[in-house]
Protein backbone atom coordinates (compact mmCIF):
# COMPACT_ATOMS: atom_id res chain seq x y z
CA MET A 1 -43.24 -119.44 -53.85
CA PRO A 2 -46.38 -117.26 -53.96
CA LEU A 3 -45.87 -113.68 -55.07
CA PRO A 4 -47.44 -110.55 -53.60
CA GLU A 5 -50.78 -109.32 -54.85
CA THR A 6 -50.33 -107.44 -58.17
CA CYS A 7 -47.07 -109.33 -58.97
CA ARG A 8 -46.28 -112.07 -61.45
CA ASP A 9 -43.33 -113.98 -62.83
CA MET A 10 -42.41 -113.44 -66.46
CA ALA A 11 -39.49 -114.08 -68.79
CA PHE A 12 -38.05 -111.72 -71.37
CA GLU A 13 -35.02 -112.34 -73.57
CA ALA A 14 -34.19 -115.47 -71.54
CA VAL A 15 -34.12 -113.62 -68.19
CA GLY A 16 -36.70 -114.14 -65.42
CA TYR A 17 -38.38 -111.19 -63.73
CA ILE A 18 -40.88 -110.40 -61.03
CA VAL A 19 -43.18 -107.71 -62.40
CA CYS A 20 -45.74 -105.87 -60.26
CA ALA A 21 -48.41 -103.75 -61.97
CA VAL A 22 -49.94 -101.28 -59.52
CA ASP A 23 -53.00 -99.12 -60.20
CA PRO A 24 -52.49 -96.04 -57.98
CA ILE A 25 -56.25 -95.63 -57.73
CA GLN A 26 -56.57 -99.00 -56.01
CA TYR A 27 -53.27 -99.11 -54.09
CA ASP A 28 -51.18 -96.70 -52.07
CA ILE A 29 -47.64 -96.14 -53.40
CA ALA A 30 -45.38 -94.48 -50.84
CA LEU A 31 -41.70 -93.76 -50.29
CA ARG A 32 -39.80 -94.38 -47.07
CA LEU A 33 -36.31 -93.47 -45.87
CA HIS A 34 -36.26 -92.74 -42.12
CA ASP A 35 -37.94 -94.23 -39.07
CA ALA A 36 -39.93 -92.18 -36.57
CA ALA A 37 -36.71 -91.13 -34.82
CA GLY A 38 -35.19 -89.84 -38.05
CA ARG A 39 -32.76 -92.71 -38.51
CA PRO A 40 -32.47 -94.34 -41.95
CA TYR A 41 -34.19 -97.72 -42.03
CA GLY A 42 -31.27 -99.02 -44.06
CA SER A 43 -33.08 -102.14 -45.28
CA LEU A 44 -36.40 -103.41 -46.53
CA GLY A 45 -36.47 -105.84 -43.62
CA ALA A 46 -36.31 -102.99 -41.11
CA LEU A 47 -39.11 -101.20 -42.95
CA ALA A 48 -41.24 -104.36 -42.82
CA GLU A 49 -40.88 -104.42 -39.03
CA ALA A 50 -42.20 -100.85 -38.85
CA GLU A 51 -45.01 -100.81 -41.42
CA PRO A 52 -47.10 -103.41 -43.24
CA PHE A 53 -46.92 -103.51 -47.04
CA LEU A 54 -47.74 -105.81 -49.95
CA PHE A 55 -44.26 -105.39 -51.37
CA ALA A 56 -41.35 -102.98 -51.26
CA MET A 57 -38.13 -102.48 -53.22
CA ASN A 58 -35.18 -100.15 -53.15
CA GLY A 59 -36.26 -96.93 -54.83
CA GLY A 60 -33.32 -94.73 -55.75
CA MET A 61 -29.63 -94.09 -55.28
CA TYR A 62 -28.07 -92.82 -52.08
CA HIS A 63 -24.89 -91.51 -50.49
CA GLU A 64 -22.88 -93.36 -47.82
CA ASP A 65 -25.05 -91.79 -45.09
CA MET A 66 -28.17 -93.16 -46.89
CA SER A 67 -29.29 -89.68 -47.97
CA PRO A 68 -30.77 -89.53 -51.48
CA VAL A 69 -28.56 -88.46 -54.38
CA GLY A 70 -31.46 -86.62 -56.03
CA LEU A 71 -34.98 -85.38 -55.41
CA TYR A 72 -36.79 -87.19 -52.64
CA VAL A 73 -40.34 -86.38 -51.50
CA GLU A 74 -42.09 -88.40 -48.81
CA ASP A 75 -45.70 -87.80 -47.73
CA GLY A 76 -45.68 -84.44 -49.50
CA LYS A 77 -42.47 -83.18 -47.88
CA GLU A 78 -39.34 -82.54 -49.93
CA LEU A 79 -36.39 -84.00 -48.03
CA ALA A 80 -33.80 -83.66 -50.84
CA PRO A 81 -33.82 -81.30 -53.86
CA LEU A 82 -33.79 -82.07 -57.57
CA ASN A 83 -30.23 -82.78 -58.70
CA THR A 84 -29.35 -81.45 -62.17
CA ALA A 85 -25.55 -81.62 -61.71
CA ASP A 86 -23.13 -83.63 -63.80
CA GLY A 87 -21.06 -86.42 -62.29
CA GLU A 88 -19.88 -90.01 -62.49
CA GLY A 89 -21.94 -93.17 -62.16
CA ASN A 90 -25.35 -94.39 -63.26
CA PHE A 91 -27.31 -91.57 -61.63
CA PHE A 92 -25.51 -89.07 -63.87
CA LEU A 93 -25.77 -91.14 -67.07
CA LYS A 94 -28.13 -88.54 -68.50
CA PRO A 95 -30.91 -88.31 -69.20
CA ASN A 96 -31.92 -89.33 -65.70
CA GLY A 97 -35.39 -88.89 -64.30
CA VAL A 98 -38.01 -88.91 -61.56
CA PHE A 99 -40.66 -91.41 -60.52
CA PHE A 100 -43.48 -89.63 -58.72
CA ILE A 101 -46.99 -89.74 -57.34
CA ASP A 102 -48.65 -86.36 -57.75
CA ALA A 103 -51.04 -84.68 -55.35
CA GLN A 104 -54.00 -86.22 -57.22
CA GLY A 105 -52.55 -89.70 -56.73
CA ARG A 106 -51.40 -90.23 -60.33
CA ALA A 107 -48.14 -92.05 -61.08
CA GLY A 108 -45.57 -90.69 -63.50
CA VAL A 109 -42.03 -91.06 -64.79
CA ARG A 110 -40.40 -88.04 -66.43
CA GLU A 111 -36.95 -87.10 -67.61
CA THR A 112 -35.41 -84.63 -65.15
CA GLY A 113 -35.57 -81.61 -67.48
CA ALA A 114 -39.21 -82.23 -68.39
CA PHE A 115 -40.04 -82.81 -64.73
CA ALA A 116 -38.35 -79.54 -63.71
CA ALA A 117 -40.34 -77.67 -66.37
CA ALA A 118 -43.68 -79.15 -65.28
CA ARG A 119 -42.92 -79.37 -61.54
CA PRO A 120 -46.16 -81.05 -60.45
CA ASP A 121 -47.47 -80.91 -56.90
CA LEU A 122 -46.15 -84.05 -55.27
CA LYS A 123 -47.18 -86.67 -52.77
CA ALA A 124 -44.03 -88.74 -53.33
CA ALA A 125 -41.02 -88.62 -55.65
CA THR A 126 -37.62 -90.21 -56.09
CA GLN A 127 -34.99 -89.19 -58.63
CA SER A 128 -32.68 -91.80 -60.08
CA GLY A 129 -30.82 -92.59 -63.25
CA PRO A 130 -30.43 -93.35 -65.96
CA MET A 131 -33.79 -93.24 -67.65
CA LEU A 132 -34.39 -96.58 -69.36
CA VAL A 133 -37.03 -95.43 -71.84
CA ILE A 134 -37.73 -91.81 -72.83
CA ASP A 135 -40.88 -91.15 -74.86
CA GLY A 136 -40.74 -94.64 -76.33
CA LYS A 137 -37.02 -94.60 -77.12
CA ILE A 138 -34.25 -96.54 -75.39
CA HIS A 139 -31.65 -94.40 -73.59
CA PRO A 140 -29.25 -93.27 -76.35
CA ARG A 141 -26.10 -94.33 -74.50
CA PHE A 142 -27.11 -97.96 -73.95
CA GLU A 143 -25.50 -100.71 -75.97
CA PRO A 144 -28.04 -103.25 -77.29
CA ASP A 145 -26.68 -105.88 -74.91
CA GLY A 146 -23.63 -104.62 -73.03
CA THR A 147 -21.24 -106.67 -70.94
CA SER A 148 -22.25 -105.01 -67.63
CA ARG A 149 -24.71 -107.45 -66.05
CA TYR A 150 -26.40 -107.08 -62.65
CA ILE A 151 -29.63 -107.88 -60.88
CA ARG A 152 -31.54 -104.69 -61.73
CA ASN A 153 -34.80 -103.03 -60.74
CA GLY A 154 -36.79 -100.09 -62.00
CA VAL A 155 -40.22 -98.65 -62.69
CA GLY A 156 -42.28 -97.54 -65.67
CA VAL A 157 -45.74 -96.11 -66.16
CA ASP A 158 -47.94 -97.35 -68.99
CA SER A 159 -50.53 -95.42 -71.00
CA SER A 160 -53.29 -96.27 -68.49
CA GLY A 161 -51.34 -94.71 -65.60
CA THR A 162 -50.42 -98.05 -64.04
CA ALA A 163 -47.04 -98.08 -62.28
CA ILE A 164 -45.09 -101.17 -63.29
CA PHE A 165 -42.23 -102.24 -61.04
CA ALA A 166 -39.78 -104.89 -62.25
CA ILE A 167 -36.76 -106.67 -60.80
CA SER A 168 -34.66 -109.28 -62.55
CA ARG A 169 -34.03 -112.71 -61.06
CA ALA A 170 -30.68 -112.96 -62.87
CA PRO A 171 -28.04 -110.47 -64.05
CA VAL A 172 -29.16 -108.49 -67.09
CA SER A 173 -27.76 -105.70 -69.27
CA LEU A 174 -29.24 -102.20 -69.21
CA GLY A 175 -30.21 -102.53 -72.88
CA SER A 176 -32.24 -105.68 -72.32
CA PHE A 177 -33.77 -104.25 -69.13
CA ALA A 178 -34.87 -101.15 -71.04
CA ARG A 179 -36.44 -103.27 -73.78
CA LEU A 180 -38.41 -105.15 -71.14
CA PHE A 181 -40.19 -101.92 -70.21
CA ARG A 182 -40.63 -100.66 -73.76
CA ASP A 183 -41.46 -103.86 -75.64
CA ALA A 184 -42.98 -106.25 -73.08
CA LEU A 185 -44.50 -103.87 -70.54
CA SER A 186 -45.56 -101.07 -72.94
CA CYS A 187 -44.11 -98.25 -70.86
CA PRO A 188 -43.24 -95.14 -72.91
CA ASN A 189 -41.16 -93.89 -69.97
CA ALA A 190 -39.23 -95.98 -67.47
CA LEU A 191 -36.56 -95.29 -64.85
CA PHE A 192 -33.68 -97.37 -63.50
CA PHE A 193 -33.59 -97.66 -59.71
CA ASP A 194 -30.35 -99.59 -59.19
CA GLY A 195 -28.28 -102.67 -59.93
CA ALA A 196 -26.40 -105.21 -57.79
CA ILE A 197 -28.05 -103.99 -54.55
CA SER A 198 -31.58 -104.46 -55.93
CA ALA A 199 -34.04 -106.23 -53.63
CA LEU A 200 -37.72 -107.09 -53.31
CA HIS A 201 -39.52 -107.85 -50.03
CA ASP A 202 -43.09 -109.11 -49.56
CA GLY A 203 -43.53 -107.80 -46.01
CA LYS A 204 -42.39 -111.08 -44.47
CA LYS A 205 -39.28 -112.09 -46.38
CA TYR A 206 -36.95 -111.14 -49.17
CA LEU A 207 -37.94 -112.56 -52.53
CA ILE A 208 -34.83 -111.22 -54.24
CA GLY A 209 -31.67 -109.70 -52.75
CA GLY A 210 -31.35 -108.25 -49.27
CA ARG A 211 -27.60 -108.52 -48.67
CA PHE A 212 -26.96 -104.82 -49.25
CA PRO A 213 -28.28 -101.65 -47.57
CA ALA A 214 -31.21 -99.71 -48.99
CA GLY A 215 -31.63 -95.94 -48.91
CA PRO A 216 -34.89 -94.64 -50.43
CA MET A 217 -37.50 -97.41 -50.63
CA VAL A 218 -40.82 -97.60 -52.44
CA MET A 219 -43.62 -99.61 -50.89
CA VAL A 220 -47.09 -100.58 -52.03
CA ARG A 221 -50.01 -101.06 -49.65
CA LYS A 222 -53.71 -101.64 -49.83
CA LYS A 223 -55.61 -98.41 -49.43
CA ALA A 224 -57.41 -97.92 -46.14
CA GLU A 225 -61.14 -98.48 -46.50
């Protein structure tokens, strides 16, 4: 099955992945949550019916009403604030962090505290958790290869500023998923988007997942000429 432009298949520690390396200078990276009427899209398939894209994946955790758990910025507008609270679940397995596109079009991943201190001007941002890699180090609370295994997706940014999105084709531990970004994809900082519900769509069909709802979604498009 052909993969979207910028994407490739790869294997790491005996698990298959689809990995998509996106130069934000050449491609448009955007976030989507609601349709024109203000209703949550709820799925990548619904988003594909509304807007063309090269690929899209779920891009952050959400409440039952599909509203983001943490910071969410779409087309320069903040729709949900930065969340620095404590709580239960993966989002609050601190340190958590933010994936963002700044006003100059540069991609970044930062731990929430560092992001709050810098607070860049934003074009798009989604907060999620936990961080997978923080300044070249694996999240301190991860086991090397824990028993919790899910289809997982996330994003990192390498030293050149390329945003690297990855989704597993088979269940994987958080420790192994983090090592993918640090050791195979050379991302000093990387952020977990979600597990179990993770999905990837190529604008026409689901390549992975699709059974579960999606709240915040990140999509990649060719830039208008």
